[in-house]
Amino acid sequence: MKFASLRCEDPDGRLLLVSSDASRALDASLVAPNLLTALQRWDQVAPALQALSDRLNDGSYPATFSFDPHACGAPLPRSYQWCDASAFLHHGRLMEQAFNTPPIPDFDTIPVMYQGASDDFLGARDPVPLPDERLGIDFEGEFGVLVDAVPMGVTAQAAHQRIRLLVQLNDWSLRALGPREMKSGFGFLQAKPSTSFAPLAITPDELGENWRDGRVQLNLEVHLNDTPFGRPHGGEMNFSFGQLVAHAARTRKLSAGTVIGSGTVSNRSREAGSACISERRVLEMIDRGEAHTPFMHFGDRVRMAATDTRGGRPFGVIDQRVVRAG
């Protein structure tokens, strides 16, 4: 199944089911008014949603309409909790160099994770309002999962079974603010504005063999101002999503609708490029002694899409411009 959230007077949006080719949609709000409710009642509503999805895809449901991602917000416009990891260790090691921070103990064996803002997720085509170009505006292409209720102390294997939907996201960062917040010991706050999401949240079976070992086995293609920037592969995650969910739930239960992010998709091969500017800047510093790629300016555009071998984009496309707030 594929889900989207139509903008409406309700801040949680109206639940849509979208066809596998993302061409058609239907209003599923009679089954569950929004995606958060669907996740909270997953065992009760999933069979009815699946039946509707089957009819949408075989053409037997009469009241369908063209799917318009511009009319939709984030698949889950807000949630009770958003936790983002750094599951691609290559990226984490490069960031230690970028910010001149000491190595994190047990970085290779225990995931690192911060808790971000979950009250105002951005849609895939929304402008991104930020206060000042001098804050080091950067994008971070990632994958994520949405879970239903997860008990405290769950094992990684059991946590994997609580994953209901997969998402693609852009975890915006303000790099000038990050080093001070990391050194404070309290984690990110001002350095992490609202996160953006591709328009579709999908059940893992939509990816077929491209969902394997608790990882999204797809390239994440990133363009900055229409110029190719990178296409790293999601399969290089050092921790699976089951491990990340279990880490988040070690000392707390997770409410249905909790979002767990992978952290910036990053590959060891230089040919893959990068999914964030900061990573490219660190590589330039290593190779040439100084960074040359600037952070984003107002009016700059970033485009991201996970792409399969047939050119399909199962999550849709994030396509946004940075604008001055106010």
C-alpha atoms as a PDB file:
ATOM      1  CA  MET A   1       0.000   0.000   0.000  1.00  0.00           C
ATOM      2  CA  LYS A   2       0.971   3.600  -0.604  1.00  0.00           C
ATOM      3  CA  PHE A   3      -0.365   6.456   1.504  1.00  0.00           C
ATOM      4  CA  ALA A   4      -0.406  10.236   1.235  1.00  0.00           C
ATOM      5  CA  SER A   5      -1.995  13.025   3.256  1.00  0.00           C
ATOM      6  CA  LEU A   6      -4.186  15.530   1.468  1.00  0.00           C
ATOM      7  CA  ARG A   7      -4.037  19.032   2.941  1.00  0.00           C
ATOM      8  CA  CYS A   8      -7.297  20.065   4.605  1.00  0.00           C
ATOM      9  CA  GLU A   9      -8.548  21.980   7.629  1.00  0.00           C
ATOM     10  CA  ASP A  10      -7.299  19.172   9.888  1.00  0.00           C
ATOM     11  CA  PRO A  11      -3.568  19.624  10.662  1.00  0.00           C
ATOM     12  CA  ASP A  12      -3.139  15.847  10.377  1.00  0.00           C
ATOM     13  CA  GLY A  13      -4.456  15.888   6.806  1.00  0.00           C
ATOM     14  CA  ARG A  14      -6.897  13.513   5.125  1.00  0.00           C
ATOM     15  CA  LEU A  15      -5.784   9.972   4.395  1.00  0.00           C
ATOM     16  CA  LEU A  16      -5.343   8.965   0.759  1.00  0.00           C
ATOM     17  CA  LEU A  17      -4.476   5.606  -0.728  1.00  0.00           C
ATOM     18  CA  VAL A  18      -2.313   5.945  -3.839  1.00  0.00           C
ATOM     19  CA  SER A  19      -1.861   3.439  -6.655  1.00  0.00           C
ATOM     20  CA  SER A  20       1.427   1.589  -7.030  1.00  0.00           C
ATOM     21  CA  ASP A  21       2.342   3.707 -10.051  1.00  0.00           C
ATOM     22  CA  ALA A  22       1.358   6.889  -8.147  1.00  0.00           C
ATOM     23  CA  SER A  23      -1.043   7.963 -10.885  1.00  0.00           C
ATOM     24  CA  ARG A  24      -4.391   7.535  -9.083  1.00  0.00           C
ATOM     25  CA  ALA A  25      -5.671   7.994  -5.532  1.00  0.00           C
ATOM     26  CA  LEU A  26      -8.784   7.493  -3.447  1.00  0.00           C
ATOM     27  CA  ASP A  27     -10.074   9.017  -0.231  1.00  0.00           C
ATOM     28  CA  ALA A  28      -9.556   6.476   2.566  1.00  0.00           C
ATOM     29  CA  SER A  29     -10.722   8.741   5.391  1.00  0.00           C
ATOM     30  CA  LEU A  30     -13.856   6.685   6.074  1.00  0.00           C
ATOM     31  CA  VAL A  31     -11.582   3.841   7.185  1.00  0.00           C
ATOM     32  CA  ALA A  32      -9.134   6.105   9.061  1.00  0.00           C
ATOM     33  CA  PRO A  33      -9.327   9.899   8.972  1.00  0.00           C
ATOM     34  CA  ASN A  34      -5.554  10.330   8.807  1.00  0.00           C
ATOM     35  CA  LEU A  35      -2.363   8.310   8.774  1.00  0.00           C
ATOM     36  CA  LEU A  36      -1.646   8.767  12.468  1.00  0.00           C
ATOM     37  CA  THR A  37      -5.001   7.201  13.342  1.00  0.00           C
ATOM     38  CA  ALA A  38      -4.344   4.378  10.885  1.00  0.00           C
ATOM     39  CA  LEU A  39      -1.047   3.598  12.611  1.00  0.00           C
ATOM     40  CA  GLN A  40      -2.679   3.746  16.037  1.00  0.00           C
ATOM     41  CA  ARG A  41      -5.345   1.257  14.902  1.00  0.00           C
ATOM     42  CA  TRP A  42      -3.268  -0.677  12.378  1.00  0.00           C
ATOM     43  CA  ASP A  43      -4.423  -4.206  13.217  1.00  0.00           C
ATOM     44  CA  GLN A  44      -8.062  -3.131  12.942  1.00  0.00           C
ATOM     45  CA  VAL A  45      -7.902  -0.986   9.790  1.00  0.00           C
ATOM     46  CA  ALA A  46      -5.143  -2.592   7.695  1.00  0.00           C
ATOM     47  CA  PRO A  47      -7.388  -5.278   6.142  1.00  0.00           C
ATOM     48  CA  ALA A  48      -9.944  -2.706   4.961  1.00  0.00           C
ATOM     49  CA  LEU A  49      -7.196  -0.424   3.654  1.00  0.00           C
ATOM     50  CA  GLN A  50      -5.594  -3.330   1.802  1.00  0.00           C
ATOM     51  CA  ALA A  51      -8.923  -4.217   0.184  1.00  0.00           C
ATOM     52  CA  LEU A  52      -9.314  -0.616  -1.009  1.00  0.00           C
ATOM     53  CA  SER A  53      -5.750  -0.547  -2.274  1.00  0.00           C
ATOM     54  CA  ASP A  54      -6.311  -3.747  -4.245  1.00  0.00           C
ATOM     55  CA  ARG A  55      -9.395  -2.259  -5.902  1.00  0.00           C
ATOM     56  CA  LEU A  56      -7.531   0.958  -6.641  1.00  0.00           C
ATOM     57  CA  ASN A  57      -4.748  -0.958  -8.368  1.00  0.00           C
ATOM     58  CA  ASP A  58      -6.980  -3.309 -10.349  1.00  0.00           C
ATOM     59  CA  GLY A  59      -9.203  -0.443 -11.517  1.00  0.00           C
ATOM     60  CA  SER A  60     -12.414  -1.724  -9.912  1.00  0.00           C
ATOM     61  CA  TYR A  61     -12.907   1.161  -7.452  1.00  0.00           C
ATOM     62  CA  PRO A  62     -15.093   3.828  -9.090  1.00  0.00           C
ATOM     63  CA  ALA A  63     -14.313   7.000  -7.136  1.00  0.00           C
ATOM     64  CA  THR A  64     -10.631   7.570  -7.882  1.00  0.00           C
ATOM     65  CA  PHE A  65      -8.872  10.733  -9.006  1.00  0.00           C
ATOM     66  CA  SER A  66      -5.478  11.797 -10.311  1.00  0.00           C
ATOM     67  CA  PHE A  67      -2.855  11.909  -7.594  1.00  0.00           C
ATOM     68  CA  ASP A  68      -1.370  15.381  -7.154  1.00  0.00           C
ATOM     69  CA  PRO A  69       1.643  15.509  -4.797  1.00  0.00           C
ATOM     70  CA  HIS A  70       1.437  19.324  -4.764  1.00  0.00           C
ATOM     71  CA  ALA A  71      -1.876  19.049  -2.876  1.00  0.00           C
ATOM     72  CA  CYS A  72      -0.340  16.885  -0.165  1.00  0.00           C
ATOM     73  CA  GLY A  73       1.746  17.574   2.904  1.00  0.00           C
ATOM     74  CA  ALA A  74       4.125  15.139   4.539  1.00  0.00           C
ATOM     75  CA  PRO A  75       2.582  11.646   4.673  1.00  0.00           C
ATOM     76  CA  LEU A  76       2.546  12.063   8.458  1.00  0.00           C
ATOM     77  CA  PRO A  77       2.220  15.846   8.952  1.00  0.00           C
ATOM     78  CA  ARG A  78       3.033  15.598  12.656  1.00  0.00           C
ATOM     79  CA  SER A  79       3.793  12.855  15.134  1.00  0.00           C
ATOM     80  CA  TYR A  80       4.432  12.310  18.801  1.00  0.00           C
ATOM     81  CA  GLN A  81       8.091  11.478  18.268  1.00  0.00           C
ATOM     82  CA  TRP A  82      10.850  11.762  15.658  1.00  0.00           C
ATOM     83  CA  CYS A  83      14.204  10.125  16.371  1.00  0.00           C
ATOM     84  CA  ASP A  84      17.052  10.330  13.891  1.00  0.00           C
ATOM     85  CA  ALA A  85      20.103   8.084  13.944  1.00  0.00           C
ATOM     86  CA  SER A  86      23.490   8.102  12.253  1.00  0.00           C
ATOM     87  CA  ALA A  87      23.421   4.569  10.883  1.00  0.00           C
ATOM     88  CA  PHE A  88      25.896   5.144   8.031  1.00  0.00           C
ATOM     89  CA  LEU A  89      29.170   5.116   9.956  1.00  0.00           C
ATOM     90  CA  HIS A  90      31.192   6.456   7.033  1.00  0.00           C
ATOM     91  CA  HIS A  91      29.188   9.683   7.223  1.00  0.00           C
ATOM     92  CA  GLY A  92      29.558   9.872  10.998  1.00  0.00           C
ATOM     93  CA  ARG A  93      33.322   9.568  10.860  1.00  0.00           C
ATOM     94  CA  LEU A  94      33.505  12.307   8.237  1.00  0.00           C
ATOM     95  CA  MET A  95      31.344  14.576  10.402  1.00  0.00           C
ATOM     96  CA  GLU A  96      33.747  14.084  13.311  1.00  0.00           C
ATOM     97  CA  GLN A  97      36.436  15.506  11.060  1.00  0.00           C
ATOM     98  CA  ALA A  98      34.167  18.295   9.835  1.00  0.00           C
ATOM     99  CA  PHE A  99      33.291  19.543  13.314  1.00  0.00           C
ATOM    100  CA  ASN A 100      36.540  18.549  15.045  1.00  0.00           C
ATOM    101  CA  THR A 101      34.676  16.562  17.680  1.00  0.00           C
ATOM    102  CA  PRO A 102      36.221  13.672  19.636  1.00  0.00           C
ATOM    103  CA  PRO A 103      35.325  10.123  18.551  1.00  0.00           C
ATOM    104  CA  ILE A 104      32.117   8.782  20.087  1.00  0.00           C
ATOM    105  CA  PRO A 105      32.731   5.703  22.290  1.00  0.00           C
ATOM    106  CA  ASP A 106      31.153   2.489  20.917  1.00  0.00           C
ATOM    107  CA  PHE A 107      30.167   4.326  17.720  1.00  0.00           C
ATOM    108  CA  ASP A 108      30.593   1.098  15.725  1.00  0.00           C
ATOM    109  CA  THR A 109      28.392  -1.008  18.016  1.00  0.00           C
ATOM    110  CA  ILE A 110      25.760   1.283  19.582  1.00  0.00           C
ATOM    111  CA  PRO A 111      23.675   3.599  17.350  1.00  0.00           C
ATOM    112  CA  VAL A 112      23.763   7.318  18.023  1.00  0.00           C
ATOM    113  CA  MET A 113      20.421   9.097  17.840  1.00  0.00           C
ATOM    114  CA  TYR A 114      18.879  12.479  18.611  1.00  0.00           C
ATOM    115  CA  GLN A 115      15.257  13.462  19.163  1.00  0.00           C
ATOM    116  CA  GLY A 116      14.057  16.115  16.727  1.00  0.00           C
ATOM    117  CA  ALA A 117      10.989  18.292  16.261  1.00  0.00           C
ATOM    118  CA  SER A 118       7.954  16.291  15.160  1.00  0.00           C
ATOM    119  CA  ASP A 119       5.193  18.901  15.328  1.00  0.00           C
ATOM    120  CA  ASP A 120       5.662  20.505  11.903  1.00  0.00           C
ATOM    121  CA  PHE A 121       6.893  18.196   9.149  1.00  0.00           C
ATOM    122  CA  LEU A 122       7.143  19.759   5.682  1.00  0.00           C
ATOM    123  CA  GLY A 123       5.625  18.398   2.490  1.00  0.00           C
ATOM    124  CA  ALA A 124       7.696  17.419  -0.522  1.00  0.00           C
ATOM    125  CA  ARG A 125       6.920  20.583  -2.515  1.00  0.00           C
ATOM    126  CA  ASP A 126       6.750  23.086   0.349  1.00  0.00           C
ATOM    127  CA  PRO A 127       9.145  26.040   0.363  1.00  0.00           C
ATOM    128  CA  VAL A 128      11.647  25.779   3.209  1.00  0.00           C
ATOM    129  CA  PRO A 129      11.639  29.025   5.275  1.00  0.00           C
ATOM    130  CA  LEU A 130      14.849  29.726   7.174  1.00  0.00           C
ATOM    131  CA  PRO A 131      16.044  32.880   8.926  1.00  0.00           C
ATOM    132  CA  ASP A 132      19.591  33.466   7.669  1.00  0.00           C
ATOM    133  CA  GLU A 133      21.858  32.141   4.903  1.00  0.00           C
ATOM    134  CA  ARG A 134      24.849  32.515   7.215  1.00  0.00           C
ATOM    135  CA  LEU A 135      23.638  29.606   9.347  1.00  0.00           C
ATOM    136  CA  GLY A 136      25.079  27.052   6.900  1.00  0.00           C
ATOM    137  CA  ILE A 137      21.933  25.681   5.223  1.00  0.00           C
ATOM    138  CA  ASP A 138      22.351  22.023   4.316  1.00  0.00           C
ATOM    139  CA  PHE A 139      20.152  19.143   3.192  1.00  0.00           C
ATOM    140  CA  GLU A 140      20.457  15.537   4.384  1.00  0.00           C
ATOM    141  CA  GLY A 141      18.872  12.785   2.303  1.00  0.00           C
ATOM    142  CA  GLU A 142      17.664   9.853   4.397  1.00  0.00           C
ATOM    143  CA  PHE A 143      15.273   6.944   4.675  1.00  0.00           C
ATOM    144  CA  GLY A 144      12.988   6.316   7.635  1.00  0.00           C
ATOM    145  CA  VAL A 145      10.345   4.037   9.091  1.00  0.00           C
ATOM    146  CA  LEU A 146       7.007   4.574  10.816  1.00  0.00           C
ATOM    147  CA  VAL A 147       6.104   2.118  13.562  1.00  0.00           C
ATOM    148  CA  ASP A 148       3.007   1.154  15.454  1.00  0.00           C
ATOM    149  CA  ALA A 149       3.198   0.822  19.251  1.00  0.00           C
ATOM    150  CA  VAL A 150       6.558  -0.632  20.343  1.00  0.00           C
ATOM    151  CA  PRO A 151       7.106  -1.968  23.886  1.00  0.00           C
ATOM    152  CA  MET A 152      10.093  -0.928  25.973  1.00  0.00           C
ATOM    153  CA  GLY A 153      13.053  -3.300  25.801  1.00  0.00           C
ATOM    154  CA  VAL A 154      12.050  -4.863  22.488  1.00  0.00           C
ATOM    155  CA  THR A 155      14.623  -6.957  20.627  1.00  0.00           C
ATOM    156  CA  ALA A 156      15.827  -5.877  17.185  1.00  0.00           C
ATOM    157  CA  GLN A 157      14.057  -8.855  15.599  1.00  0.00           C
ATOM    158  CA  ALA A 158      10.757  -8.035  17.305  1.00  0.00           C
ATOM    159  CA  ALA A 159      11.215  -4.320  16.547  1.00  0.00           C
ATOM    160  CA  HIS A 160      11.523  -5.143  12.848  1.00  0.00           C
ATOM    161  CA  GLN A 161       8.010  -6.615  13.009  1.00  0.00           C
ATOM    162  CA  ARG A 162       6.627  -3.307  14.321  1.00  0.00           C
ATOM    163  CA  ILE A 163       7.709  -1.399  11.192  1.00  0.00           C
ATOM    164  CA  ARG A 164       4.575  -0.538   9.256  1.00  0.00           C
ATOM    165  CA  LEU A 165       5.659   2.027   6.676  1.00  0.00           C
ATOM    166  CA  LEU A 166       8.803   3.289   4.949  1.00  0.00           C
ATOM    167  CA  VAL A 167       9.490   6.938   4.088  1.00  0.00           C
ATOM    168  CA  GLN A 168      12.099   9.086   2.353  1.00  0.00           C
ATOM    169  CA  LEU A 169      13.072  12.367   3.994  1.00  0.00           C
ATOM    170  CA  ASN A 170      15.300  15.424   4.009  1.00  0.00           C
ATOM    171  CA  ASP A 171      16.572  16.257   7.486  1.00  0.00           C
ATOM    172  CA  TRP A 172      17.485  19.924   7.066  1.00  0.00           C
ATOM    173  CA  SER A 173      20.518  21.137   9.031  1.00  0.00           C
ATOM    174  CA  LEU A 174      22.020  24.505   9.928  1.00  0.00           C
ATOM    175  CA  ARG A 175      25.707  23.671  10.097  1.00  0.00           C
ATOM    176  CA  ALA A 176      26.897  26.892  11.728  1.00  0.00           C
ATOM    177  CA  LEU A 177      24.835  26.024  14.809  1.00  0.00           C
ATOM    178  CA  GLY A 178      25.648  22.327  15.037  1.00  0.00           C
ATOM    179  CA  PRO A 179      29.137  22.304  16.611  1.00  0.00           C
ATOM    180  CA  ARG A 180      28.200  24.362  19.653  1.00  0.00           C
ATOM    181  CA  GLU A 181      25.054  22.314  20.292  1.00  0.00           C
ATOM    182  CA  MET A 182      26.951  19.019  19.977  1.00  0.00           C
ATOM    183  CA  LYS A 183      29.654  20.174  22.374  1.00  0.00           C
ATOM    184  CA  SER A 184      27.030  21.289  24.912  1.00  0.00           C
ATOM    185  CA  GLY A 185      26.122  17.663  25.567  1.00  0.00           C
ATOM    186  CA  PHE A 186      22.408  18.374  25.138  1.00  0.00           C
ATOM    187  CA  GLY A 187      22.149  17.589  21.431  1.00  0.00           C
ATOM    188  CA  PHE A 188      20.545  19.436  18.545  1.00  0.00           C
ATOM    189  CA  LEU A 189      17.835  22.085  18.846  1.00  0.00           C
ATOM    190  CA  GLN A 190      18.303  25.215  16.716  1.00  0.00           C
ATOM    191  CA  ALA A 191      20.532  23.355  14.248  1.00  0.00           C
ATOM    192  CA  LYS A 192      17.637  21.142  13.160  1.00  0.00           C
ATOM    193  CA  PRO A 193      14.647  22.962  11.605  1.00  0.00           C
ATOM    194  CA  SER A 194      11.553  21.146  10.321  1.00  0.00           C
ATOM    195  CA  THR A 195      12.174  17.938   8.378  1.00  0.00           C
ATOM    196  CA  SER A 196      10.753  17.385   4.874  1.00  0.00           C
ATOM    197  CA  PHE A 197       9.239  14.156   3.543  1.00  0.00           C
ATOM    198  CA  ALA A 198       8.614  12.672   0.113  1.00  0.00           C
ATOM    199  CA  PRO A 199       4.859  12.502  -0.548  1.00  0.00           C
ATOM    200  CA  LEU A 200       4.348   8.746  -0.156  1.00  0.00           C
ATOM    201  CA  ALA A 201       4.646   6.447   2.844  1.00  0.00           C
ATOM    202  CA  ILE A 202       4.697   2.839   1.668  1.00  0.00           C
ATOM    203  CA  THR A 203       4.342  -0.609   3.162  1.00  0.00           C
ATOM    204  CA  PRO A 204       7.596  -2.583   2.927  1.00  0.00           C
ATOM    205  CA  ASP A 205       6.127  -5.072   0.443  1.00  0.00           C
ATOM    206  CA  GLU A 206       5.894  -2.250  -2.124  1.00  0.00           C
ATOM    207  CA  LEU A 207       9.690  -2.463  -2.454  1.00  0.00           C
ATOM    208  CA  GLY A 208       9.830  -6.231  -2.940  1.00  0.00           C
ATOM    209  CA  GLU A 209      13.479  -7.334  -2.921  1.00  0.00           C
ATOM    210  CA  ASN A 210      14.539  -3.723  -2.409  1.00  0.00           C
ATOM    211  CA  TRP A 211      13.490  -4.042   1.255  1.00  0.00           C
ATOM    212  CA  ARG A 212      15.984  -6.516   2.635  1.00  0.00           C
ATOM    213  CA  ASP A 213      17.897  -6.981   5.896  1.00  0.00           C
ATOM    214  CA  GLY A 214      15.959  -4.100   7.435  1.00  0.00           C
ATOM    215  CA  ARG A 215      17.374  -1.682   4.864  1.00  0.00           C
ATOM    216  CA  VAL A 216      16.077   0.214   1.820  1.00  0.00           C
ATOM    217  CA  GLN A 217      18.136  -1.234  -1.023  1.00  0.00           C
ATOM    218  CA  LEU A 218      17.817   1.734  -3.375  1.00  0.00           C
ATOM    219  CA  ASN A 219      19.942   4.603  -4.599  1.00  0.00           C
ATOM    220  CA  LEU A 220      18.947   8.024  -3.306  1.00  0.00           C
ATOM    221  CA  GLU A 221      19.451  10.411  -6.226  1.00  0.00           C
ATOM    222  CA  VAL A 222      20.133  14.003  -5.155  1.00  0.00           C
ATOM    223  CA  HIS A 223      20.241  17.080  -7.394  1.00  0.00           C
ATOM    224  CA  LEU A 224      21.235  20.578  -6.249  1.00  0.00           C
ATOM    225  CA  ASN A 225      19.981  23.325  -8.582  1.00  0.00           C
ATOM    226  CA  ASP A 226      19.398  20.639 -11.261  1.00  0.00           C
ATOM    227  CA  THR A 227      23.026  19.428 -11.058  1.00  0.00           C
ATOM    228  CA  PRO A 228      23.623  15.814  -9.942  1.00  0.00           C
ATOM    229  CA  PHE A 229      25.056  15.787  -6.422  1.00  0.00           C
ATOM    230  CA  GLY A 230      25.048  12.133  -5.393  1.00  0.00           C
ATOM    231  CA  ARG A 231      23.314   8.766  -5.586  1.00  0.00           C
ATOM    232  CA  PRO A 232      24.415   6.782  -2.511  1.00  0.00           C
ATOM    233  CA  HIS A 233      22.820   3.401  -1.847  1.00  0.00           C
ATOM    234  CA  GLY A 234      20.697   2.731   1.236  1.00  0.00           C
ATOM    235  CA  GLY A 235      21.938  -0.835   1.624  1.00  0.00           C
ATOM    236  CA  GLU A 236      25.216   0.331   3.175  1.00  0.00           C
ATOM    237  CA  MET A 237      23.566   1.100   6.534  1.00  0.00           C
ATOM    238  CA  ASN A 238      25.701  -0.289   9.352  1.00  0.00           C
ATOM    239  CA  PHE A 239      22.647  -0.757  11.594  1.00  0.00           C
ATOM    240  CA  SER A 240      19.312  -2.124  10.390  1.00  0.00           C
ATOM    241  CA  PHE A 241      16.068  -0.296  11.040  1.00  0.00           C
ATOM    242  CA  GLY A 242      15.123  -3.064  13.474  1.00  0.00           C
ATOM    243  CA  GLN A 243      18.255  -2.268  15.466  1.00  0.00           C
ATOM    244  CA  LEU A 244      17.477   1.453  15.375  1.00  0.00           C
ATOM    245  CA  VAL A 245      13.904   0.959  16.602  1.00  0.00           C
ATOM    246  CA  ALA A 246      15.143  -1.323  19.387  1.00  0.00           C
ATOM    247  CA  HIS A 247      17.742   1.274  20.393  1.00  0.00           C
ATOM    248  CA  ALA A 248      15.078   3.992  20.623  1.00  0.00           C
ATOM    249  CA  ALA A 249      12.876   1.689  22.714  1.00  0.00           C
ATOM    250  CA  ARG A 250      15.549   0.502  25.128  1.00  0.00           C
ATOM    251  CA  THR A 251      14.244   2.563  28.068  1.00  0.00           C
ATOM    252  CA  ARG A 252      10.869   3.798  26.794  1.00  0.00           C
ATOM    253  CA  LYS A 253       7.936   2.522  24.810  1.00  0.00           C
ATOM    254  CA  LEU A 254       7.330   4.109  21.416  1.00  0.00           C
ATOM    255  CA  SER A 255       3.916   5.466  20.504  1.00  0.00           C
ATOM    256  CA  ALA A 256       2.314   4.485  17.224  1.00  0.00           C
ATOM    257  CA  GLY A 257       3.436   6.923  14.568  1.00  0.00           C
ATOM    258  CA  THR A 258       6.966   7.342  15.902  1.00  0.00           C
ATOM    259  CA  VAL A 259       9.376   8.122  13.047  1.00  0.00           C
ATOM    260  CA  ILE A 260      12.881   6.616  13.091  1.00  0.00           C
ATOM    261  CA  GLY A 261      15.414   7.991  10.593  1.00  0.00           C
ATOM    262  CA  SER A 262      18.525   6.389   9.165  1.00  0.00           C
ATOM    263  CA  GLY A 263      20.702   9.466   9.157  1.00  0.00           C
ATOM    264  CA  THR A 264      22.341  10.739   5.988  1.00  0.00           C
ATOM    265  CA  VAL A 265      22.726   8.049   3.342  1.00  0.00           C
ATOM    266  CA  SER A 266      26.457   7.693   2.743  1.00  0.00           C
ATOM    267  CA  ASN A 267      28.702   5.265   0.849  1.00  0.00           C
ATOM    268  CA  ARG A 268      32.404   4.626   1.139  1.00  0.00           C
ATOM    269  CA  SER A 269      32.818   4.831  -2.626  1.00  0.00           C
ATOM    270  CA  ARG A 270      33.554   8.371  -3.788  1.00  0.00           C
ATOM    271  CA  GLU A 271      31.743   7.589  -7.052  1.00  0.00           C
ATOM    272  CA  ALA A 272      28.416   7.528  -5.189  1.00  0.00           C
ATOM    273  CA  GLY A 273      28.688  11.225  -4.349  1.00  0.00           C
ATOM    274  CA  SER A 274      26.982  12.582  -1.247  1.00  0.00           C
ATOM    275  CA  ALA A 275      23.508  13.212   0.147  1.00  0.00           C
ATOM    276  CA  CYS A 276      24.531  16.351   2.028  1.00  0.00           C
ATOM    277  CA  ILE A 277      26.779  19.351   1.362  1.00  0.00           C
ATOM    278  CA  SER A 278      28.773  18.995   4.566  1.00  0.00           C
ATOM    279  CA  GLU A 279      30.036  15.558   3.557  1.00  0.00           C
ATOM    280  CA  ARG A 280      31.248  16.866   0.211  1.00  0.00           C
ATOM    281  CA  ARG A 281      32.956  19.795   1.954  1.00  0.00           C
ATOM    282  CA  VAL A 282      34.839  17.431   4.288  1.00  0.00           C
ATOM    283  CA  LEU A 283      36.048  15.376   1.329  1.00  0.00           C
ATOM    284  CA  GLU A 284      37.225  18.585  -0.364  1.00  0.00           C
ATOM    285  CA  MET A 285      39.123  19.509   2.788  1.00  0.00           C
ATOM    286  CA  ILE A 286      40.778  16.085   2.851  1.00  0.00           C
ATOM    287  CA  ASP A 287      41.697  16.207  -0.848  1.00  0.00           C
ATOM    288  CA  ARG A 288      42.457  19.896  -1.387  1.00  0.00           C
ATOM    289  CA  GLY A 289      43.021  21.396   2.041  1.00  0.00           C
ATOM    290  CA  GLU A 290      39.868  23.521   2.062  1.00  0.00           C
ATOM    291  CA  ALA A 291      36.156  23.305   1.279  1.00  0.00           C
ATOM    292  CA  HIS A 292      34.896  24.781  -1.990  1.00  0.00           C
ATOM    293  CA  THR A 293      31.221  23.812  -2.209  1.00  0.00           C
ATOM    294  CA  PRO A 294      29.083  26.516  -0.544  1.00  0.00           C
ATOM    295  CA  PHE A 295      26.102  25.832   1.635  1.00  0.00           C
ATOM    296  CA  MET A 296      22.678  26.757   0.246  1.00  0.00           C
ATOM    297  CA  HIS A 297      21.425  30.266  -0.487  1.00  0.00           C
ATOM    298  CA  PHE A 298      17.854  31.546  -0.615  1.00  0.00           C
ATOM    299  CA  GLY A 299      16.360  30.465  -3.934  1.00  0.00           C
ATOM    300  CA  ASP A 300      18.480  27.312  -4.190  1.00  0.00           C
ATOM    301  CA  ARG A 301      16.622  24.104  -4.999  1.00  0.00           C
ATOM    302  CA  VAL A 302      17.213  20.518  -3.894  1.00  0.00           C
ATOM    303  CA  ARG A 303      15.597  17.460  -5.456  1.00  0.00           C
ATOM    304  CA  MET A 304      15.720  13.921  -4.008  1.00  0.00           C
ATOM    305  CA  ALA A 305      14.224  10.641  -5.177  1.00  0.00           C
ATOM    306  CA  ALA A 306      14.955   7.034  -4.299  1.00  0.00           C
ATOM    307  CA  THR A 307      15.079   5.231  -7.635  1.00  0.00           C
ATOM    308  CA  ASP A 308      14.889   1.543  -8.513  1.00  0.00           C
ATOM    309  CA  THR A 309      16.549  -0.206 -11.446  1.00  0.00           C
ATOM    310  CA  ARG A 310      13.524   0.414 -13.674  1.00  0.00           C
ATOM    311  CA  GLY A 311      13.514   4.134 -12.976  1.00  0.00           C
ATOM    312  CA  GLY A 312      10.586   3.903 -10.566  1.00  0.00           C
ATOM    313  CA  ARG A 313      10.386   6.319  -7.644  1.00  0.00           C
ATOM    314  CA  PRO A 314       8.415   4.453  -4.973  1.00  0.00           C
ATOM    315  CA  PHE A 315       8.314   7.367  -2.489  1.00  0.00           C
ATOM    316  CA  GLY A 316       7.783  10.112  -5.054  1.00  0.00           C
ATOM    317  CA  VAL A 317      10.069  13.141  -5.214  1.00  0.00           C
ATOM    318  CA  ILE A 318      11.169  15.823  -2.767  1.00  0.00           C
ATOM    319  CA  ASP A 319      11.580  19.063  -4.756  1.00  0.00           C
ATOM    320  CA  GLN A 320      12.010  22.222  -2.653  1.00  0.00           C
ATOM    321  CA  ARG A 321      13.486  25.699  -2.591  1.00  0.00           C
ATOM    322  CA  VAL A 322      14.991  27.473   0.404  1.00  0.00           C
ATOM    323  CA  VAL A 323      13.357  30.850   1.093  1.00  0.00           C
ATOM    324  CA  ARG A 324      13.815  33.642   3.608  1.00  0.00           C
ATOM    325  CA  ALA A 325      11.503  33.233   6.610  1.00  0.00           C
ATOM    326  CA  GLY A 326       9.008  35.979   7.381  1.00  0.00           C
END
